[in-house]
Amino acid sequence: MVSKLTGVANSPCSWGVSAFSRDDDSPAYTKVLDEAAAAGYSGVELGDYGFMPTDPELLRSELRSRDLSLAGAFVPIPLSDPDSRYIGETRALEVARLLSEVEGEESPVVVLSDEILMDSVRSHCAGRIGVEQGFSMPQWEVAAHAVNQIALTVLNETGLRTAFHPHCGGFVETPEELSFLMEATHPRILGLCLDTGQYAYGGGDPLQLVRRFEDRVWHVHLKGYNAEMASAARFEGWDYQEAVSHGVFCDPSESTFAFGDLIAELDKVGYSGWLVVEQDAIVGPGTPGERTEKSQSFLKSLGV
């Protein structure tokens, strides 16, 4: 059990509602909220801006009627665009203002990530990125400055904290890329969102990440990781979407990665944020509601 934990939440992406793709038959937000509450979660992430109500009073009412809180929101920004700071500030502030009006300054986290272009080299080579596919030093300087300034603006204008999410298919995927970004940004302004599945597929060890950046881990996405499928994806040369559709990210209870060890490590370093269950693809048997119940039962078996 993580003794200082804010709570356990789920994300609309577990129902097929994603910042990168949305199923044609995505459910209404009310169904997502109903099933998250029924499964015993204490919070949800916002999902794509506009999926849930953007009127703060209505959204607050919908959440409170189900005893749910907003854990945060995922905000993709185009780091490879020279104007990424200005584009990102507009997006992040729109989301941050909604979060702060619904929840105040206490717990929601703005989660920044690089925007994935599905036809890009990065998306095609996700899970097997080499130095030759990365940013040049001038590009890194622009990107790091943009992320730092977006986080500072969000903090100054809303009081909310911002965490960066390394994501496969984006320009911050590998442990080396994430380390560079963390070293080039201010530790009190920009934190880190650990996504267990994304970081593992990008070549990293989530436990080592917690140990190295324990003071900057402000948000955690619990995503299952299938190491055997990841190996197949690299061998076959699948792009990001192909790997996801084949199940490289799986239910936490079926993950190669040991979540019990992660929970123990987070407790050891005094983690006090949210744990957010995510399943990026609707794979495997059962409905999304049944799978969210399965994930919740699994976490309870670990003492969460």
Protein backbone atom coordinates (compact mmCIF):
# COMPACT_ATOMS: atom_id res chain seq x y z
CA MET A 1 0.00 0.00 0.00
CA VAL A 2 1.27 3.49 -0.86
CA SER A 3 0.55 5.19 2.46
CA LYS A 4 0.33 8.78 1.16
CA LEU A 5 -1.54 7.99 -2.03
CA THR A 6 -4.15 10.52 -3.20
CA GLY A 7 -6.26 7.80 -4.78
CA VAL A 8 -6.68 5.27 -7.58
CA ALA A 9 -8.23 6.47 -10.83
CA ASN A 10 -8.90 5.24 -14.34
CA SER A 11 -8.67 6.94 -17.71
CA PRO A 12 -11.19 7.23 -20.57
CA CYS A 13 -8.60 5.60 -22.83
CA SER A 14 -9.51 2.32 -21.13
CA TRP A 15 -12.88 2.71 -22.85
CA GLY A 16 -11.35 3.48 -26.25
CA VAL A 17 -11.31 7.27 -25.82
CA SER A 18 -7.77 8.42 -26.61
CA ALA A 19 -5.88 11.57 -27.52
CA PHE A 20 -4.39 9.64 -30.46
CA SER A 21 -7.36 7.63 -31.68
CA ARG A 22 -10.99 7.20 -30.78
CA ASP A 23 -13.13 4.18 -31.51
CA ASP A 24 -16.17 4.84 -33.69
CA ASP A 25 -18.38 3.44 -30.96
CA SER A 26 -16.78 5.23 -28.02
CA PRO A 27 -19.16 5.39 -25.07
CA ALA A 28 -20.77 8.51 -23.64
CA TYR A 29 -18.84 10.14 -20.81
CA THR A 30 -21.64 9.21 -18.40
CA LYS A 31 -21.04 5.52 -19.07
CA VAL A 32 -17.33 5.94 -18.38
CA LEU A 33 -18.06 7.73 -15.11
CA ASP A 34 -20.73 5.20 -14.10
CA GLU A 35 -18.47 2.22 -14.72
CA ALA A 36 -15.42 3.79 -13.09
CA ALA A 37 -17.46 4.52 -9.97
CA ALA A 38 -19.08 1.08 -9.97
CA ALA A 39 -15.65 -0.56 -10.13
CA GLY A 40 -14.57 1.32 -7.01
CA TYR A 41 -12.23 3.96 -8.41
CA SER A 42 -12.02 7.28 -6.59
CA GLY A 43 -11.10 9.36 -9.63
CA VAL A 44 -10.81 9.66 -13.39
CA GLU A 45 -8.67 11.57 -15.81
CA LEU A 46 -10.36 14.08 -18.09
CA GLY A 47 -9.70 12.36 -21.40
CA ASP A 48 -9.73 14.32 -24.66
CA TYR A 49 -10.78 17.92 -24.04
CA GLY A 50 -14.45 18.02 -24.93
CA PHE A 51 -15.19 14.35 -24.21
CA MET A 52 -16.44 15.29 -20.75
CA PRO A 53 -18.36 18.53 -20.11
CA THR A 54 -16.21 21.67 -20.28
CA ASP A 55 -18.65 23.59 -18.09
CA PRO A 56 -17.03 23.41 -14.63
CA GLU A 57 -20.29 23.34 -12.68
CA LEU A 58 -21.77 20.55 -14.78
CA LEU A 59 -18.58 18.48 -14.70
CA ARG A 60 -18.23 18.96 -10.94
CA SER A 61 -21.83 17.85 -10.46
CA GLU A 62 -21.37 14.76 -12.62
CA LEU A 63 -18.24 13.77 -10.71
CA ARG A 64 -19.53 14.47 -7.22
CA SER A 65 -22.76 12.55 -7.82
CA ARG A 66 -20.56 9.48 -8.28
CA ASP A 67 -18.00 10.30 -5.56
CA LEU A 68 -15.30 10.80 -8.17
CA SER A 69 -12.51 13.39 -8.46
CA LEU A 70 -10.44 14.57 -11.41
CA ALA A 71 -6.94 13.13 -11.17
CA GLY A 72 -5.52 15.10 -14.11
CA ALA A 73 -5.56 15.44 -17.87
CA PHE A 74 -3.33 14.40 -20.74
CA VAL A 75 -2.28 17.28 -23.03
CA PRO A 76 -0.30 16.46 -26.20
CA ILE A 77 1.89 19.24 -27.61
CA PRO A 78 3.94 19.30 -30.85
CA LEU A 79 7.51 19.40 -29.54
CA SER A 80 9.00 19.25 -33.05
CA ASP A 81 7.17 22.49 -33.97
CA PRO A 82 9.23 25.67 -33.35
CA ASP A 83 6.01 27.27 -32.08
CA SER A 84 5.35 24.42 -29.63
CA ARG A 85 5.52 26.73 -26.61
CA TYR A 86 2.68 28.93 -27.82
CA ILE A 87 0.56 26.05 -29.12
CA GLY A 88 1.17 24.10 -25.92
CA GLU A 89 0.38 27.03 -23.62
CA THR A 90 -2.99 27.52 -25.28
CA ARG A 91 -3.88 23.84 -24.96
CA ALA A 92 -2.49 23.36 -21.47
CA LEU A 93 -4.09 26.49 -20.03
CA GLU A 94 -7.50 25.59 -21.42
CA VAL A 95 -7.32 22.22 -19.70
CA ALA A 96 -5.67 23.52 -16.51
CA ARG A 97 -8.34 26.17 -16.00
CA LEU A 98 -11.06 23.55 -16.22
CA LEU A 99 -9.24 21.26 -13.77
CA SER A 100 -8.65 24.06 -11.28
CA GLU A 101 -12.24 25.30 -11.46
CA VAL A 102 -13.54 21.79 -10.81
CA GLU A 103 -11.03 20.63 -8.19
CA GLY A 104 -9.05 23.65 -7.00
CA GLU A 105 -5.27 23.46 -6.66
CA GLU A 106 -5.05 20.31 -4.56
CA SER A 107 -4.57 17.22 -6.71
CA PRO A 108 -5.12 17.41 -10.49
CA VAL A 109 -1.98 17.25 -12.61
CA VAL A 110 -1.55 18.56 -16.14
CA VAL A 111 0.23 15.78 -18.04
CA LEU A 112 2.21 17.02 -21.03
CA SER A 113 3.48 14.71 -23.76
CA ASP A 114 4.78 15.04 -27.27
CA GLU A 115 2.06 14.88 -29.88
CA ILE A 116 2.29 11.67 -31.90
CA LEU A 117 2.15 11.89 -35.69
CA MET A 118 1.09 8.46 -36.87
CA ASP A 119 2.90 8.76 -40.21
CA SER A 120 6.18 9.92 -38.67
CA VAL A 121 9.50 8.10 -38.42
CA ARG A 122 9.16 8.14 -34.64
CA SER A 123 5.80 6.37 -34.77
CA HIS A 124 7.12 3.85 -37.28
CA CYS A 125 10.16 3.08 -35.09
CA ALA A 126 8.47 3.19 -31.67
CA GLY A 127 10.03 0.73 -29.26
CA ARG A 128 13.30 0.64 -31.15
CA ILE A 129 14.40 4.29 -31.38
CA GLY A 130 18.02 5.06 -32.27
CA VAL A 131 20.01 8.24 -31.83
CA GLU A 132 19.62 9.03 -35.51
CA GLN A 133 15.84 9.42 -35.08
CA GLY A 134 16.13 11.93 -32.25
CA PHE A 135 16.28 15.69 -31.85
CA SER A 136 19.35 17.70 -32.72
CA MET A 137 20.80 19.81 -29.91
CA PRO A 138 19.12 23.04 -31.16
CA GLN A 139 15.80 21.18 -31.31
CA TRP A 140 16.30 19.90 -27.76
CA GLU A 141 16.94 23.42 -26.51
CA VAL A 142 13.72 24.69 -28.09
CA ALA A 143 11.68 21.74 -26.82
CA ALA A 144 13.00 21.84 -23.26
CA HIS A 145 12.45 25.59 -23.02
CA ALA A 146 8.91 25.18 -24.36
CA VAL A 147 7.98 22.49 -21.84
CA ASN A 148 9.49 24.40 -18.93
CA GLN A 149 7.71 27.63 -19.85
CA ILE A 150 4.36 25.91 -20.37
CA ALA A 151 4.63 24.32 -16.92
CA LEU A 152 5.59 27.68 -15.38
CA THR A 153 2.66 29.44 -17.02
CA VAL A 154 0.22 26.75 -15.85
CA LEU A 155 1.58 27.01 -12.30
CA ASN A 156 1.44 30.82 -12.22
CA GLU A 157 -2.05 31.09 -13.70
CA THR A 158 -3.83 28.12 -12.12
CA GLY A 159 -1.66 26.83 -9.29
CA LEU A 160 -1.58 23.35 -10.82
CA ARG A 161 1.51 21.25 -11.27
CA THR A 162 2.64 19.87 -14.62
CA ALA A 163 4.29 16.49 -15.22
CA PHE A 164 5.88 15.31 -18.45
CA HIS A 165 4.90 11.91 -19.84
CA PRO A 166 7.47 10.06 -22.02
CA HIS A 167 5.50 8.36 -24.77
CA CYS A 168 6.40 5.85 -27.48
CA GLY A 169 6.09 7.37 -30.92
CA GLY A 170 6.93 10.86 -29.63
CA PHE A 171 10.26 12.64 -29.38
CA VAL A 172 10.67 11.81 -25.67
CA GLU A 173 10.50 8.03 -25.48
CA THR A 174 13.82 6.50 -24.43
CA PRO A 175 15.45 6.74 -20.98
CA GLU A 176 18.21 8.89 -22.50
CA GLU A 177 15.72 11.32 -24.02
CA LEU A 178 13.75 11.62 -20.81
CA SER A 179 16.93 12.16 -18.78
CA PHE A 180 17.97 14.98 -21.09
CA LEU A 181 14.59 16.68 -20.72
CA MET A 182 14.61 16.33 -16.94
CA GLU A 183 18.12 17.74 -16.71
CA ALA A 184 17.21 20.67 -18.97
CA THR A 185 14.09 21.68 -17.01
CA HIS A 186 13.50 23.02 -13.50
CA PRO A 187 12.77 20.31 -10.90
CA ARG A 188 10.31 22.51 -8.99
CA ILE A 189 8.40 23.52 -12.10
CA LEU A 190 8.21 20.33 -14.16
CA GLY A 191 7.64 16.88 -12.74
CA LEU A 192 7.39 13.46 -14.32
CA CYS A 193 4.48 11.19 -15.18
CA LEU A 194 5.64 7.60 -15.08
CA ASP A 195 3.70 5.42 -17.49
CA THR A 196 4.86 1.89 -16.74
CA GLY A 197 3.99 0.37 -20.11
CA GLN A 198 5.19 3.25 -22.27
CA TYR A 199 8.48 3.58 -20.40
CA ALA A 200 9.15 -0.17 -20.51
CA TYR A 201 8.42 -0.38 -24.25
CA GLY A 202 10.69 2.63 -24.77
CA GLY A 203 13.56 0.62 -23.25
CA GLY A 204 13.41 1.77 -19.64
CA ASP A 205 12.99 0.21 -16.20
CA PRO A 206 10.13 1.86 -14.26
CA LEU A 207 11.67 0.92 -10.90
CA GLN A 208 14.97 2.56 -11.78
CA LEU A 209 13.09 5.65 -12.95
CA VAL A 210 11.34 5.99 -9.59
CA ARG A 211 14.64 5.58 -7.76
CA ARG A 212 16.44 8.14 -9.91
CA PHE A 213 13.72 10.80 -10.07
CA GLU A 214 11.83 10.09 -6.86
CA ASP A 215 11.24 13.78 -6.10
CA ARG A 216 9.92 14.47 -9.61
CA VAL A 217 7.46 11.59 -9.98
CA TRP A 218 4.20 13.53 -9.55
CA HIS A 219 1.79 11.27 -11.44
CA VAL A 220 1.71 7.56 -12.31
CA HIS A 221 -0.07 5.70 -15.11
CA LEU A 222 -0.37 1.99 -14.44
CA LYS A 223 -0.26 0.28 -17.82
CA GLY A 224 0.43 -3.40 -18.32
CA TYR A 225 3.39 -4.40 -20.50
CA ASN A 226 3.74 -7.61 -22.48
CA ALA A 227 7.48 -8.15 -22.98
CA GLU A 228 6.98 -11.09 -25.37
CA MET A 229 4.73 -8.99 -27.61
CA ALA A 230 7.22 -6.11 -27.43
CA SER A 231 9.96 -8.43 -28.68
CA ALA A 232 7.72 -9.55 -31.54
CA ALA A 233 6.95 -5.93 -32.41
CA ARG A 234 10.64 -5.08 -32.63
CA PHE A 235 11.43 -8.20 -34.65
CA GLU A 236 8.56 -7.66 -37.09
CA GLY A 237 9.13 -3.91 -37.36
CA TRP A 238 5.60 -3.00 -36.31
CA ASP A 239 4.77 0.66 -36.01
CA TYR A 240 3.25 2.09 -32.83
CA GLN A 241 -0.37 1.43 -33.71
CA GLU A 242 0.35 -2.13 -34.83
CA ALA A 243 2.17 -2.90 -31.59
CA VAL A 244 -0.70 -1.50 -29.53
CA SER A 245 -3.31 -3.38 -31.51
CA HIS A 246 -1.39 -6.65 -30.96
CA GLY A 247 -1.41 -6.10 -27.20
CA VAL A 248 2.02 -4.76 -26.26
CA PHE A 249 0.09 -2.90 -23.55
CA CYS A 250 -2.13 -5.25 -21.60
CA ASP A 251 -4.24 -5.49 -18.48
CA PRO A 252 -2.11 -4.80 -15.36
CA SER A 253 -2.94 -8.24 -13.96
CA GLU A 254 -1.36 -9.86 -17.05
CA SER A 255 1.72 -7.65 -17.18
CA THR A 256 5.28 -8.91 -17.44
CA PHE A 257 6.25 -5.99 -15.27
CA ALA A 258 5.85 -6.63 -11.53
CA PHE A 259 3.43 -4.04 -10.21
CA GLY A 260 3.88 -5.21 -6.64
CA ASP A 261 7.51 -4.12 -6.77
CA LEU A 262 6.53 -0.74 -8.18
CA ILE A 263 3.93 -0.15 -5.45
CA ALA A 264 6.53 -0.98 -2.81
CA GLU A 265 9.06 1.38 -4.39
CA LEU A 266 6.55 4.23 -4.62
CA ASP A 267 5.74 3.76 -0.95
CA LYS A 268 9.42 3.74 -0.10
CA VAL A 269 10.03 7.11 -1.76
CA GLY A 270 6.87 8.64 -0.25
CA TYR A 271 4.86 9.04 -3.45
CA SER A 272 1.71 11.05 -2.71
CA GLY A 273 -0.07 11.42 -6.05
CA TRP A 274 -2.61 9.44 -8.03
CA LEU A 275 -2.30 5.97 -9.51
CA VAL A 276 -4.18 5.96 -12.82
CA VAL A 277 -5.00 2.70 -14.58
CA GLU A 278 -4.74 2.88 -18.36
CA GLN A 279 -5.26 0.32 -21.09
CA ASP A 280 -4.52 1.92 -24.44
CA ALA A 281 -6.29 -0.65 -26.60
CA ILE A 282 -9.46 -2.61 -26.28
CA VAL A 283 -7.90 -6.06 -26.47
CA GLY A 284 -8.78 -9.30 -24.77
CA PRO A 285 -12.08 -10.67 -23.53
CA GLY A 286 -14.75 -8.71 -21.70
CA THR A 287 -16.21 -5.23 -21.89
CA PRO A 288 -14.29 -2.10 -20.83
CA GLY A 289 -16.36 -2.04 -17.64
CA GLU A 290 -15.45 -5.62 -16.84
CA ARG A 291 -11.78 -4.96 -17.52
CA THR A 292 -11.75 -1.92 -15.22
CA GLU A 293 -13.24 -4.08 -12.47
CA LYS A 294 -10.55 -6.69 -13.11
CA SER A 295 -7.80 -4.07 -12.83
CA GLN A 296 -9.28 -2.72 -9.60
CA SER A 297 -9.46 -6.21 -8.10
CA PHE A 298 -5.85 -6.82 -9.08
CA LEU A 299 -4.68 -3.62 -7.39
CA LYS A 300 -6.61 -4.49 -4.25
CA SER A 301 -4.81 -7.85 -4.21
CA LEU A 302 -1.56 -5.85 -4.05
CA GLY A 303 -2.86 -3.89 -1.07
CA VAL A 304 -3.61 -0.67 -2.97
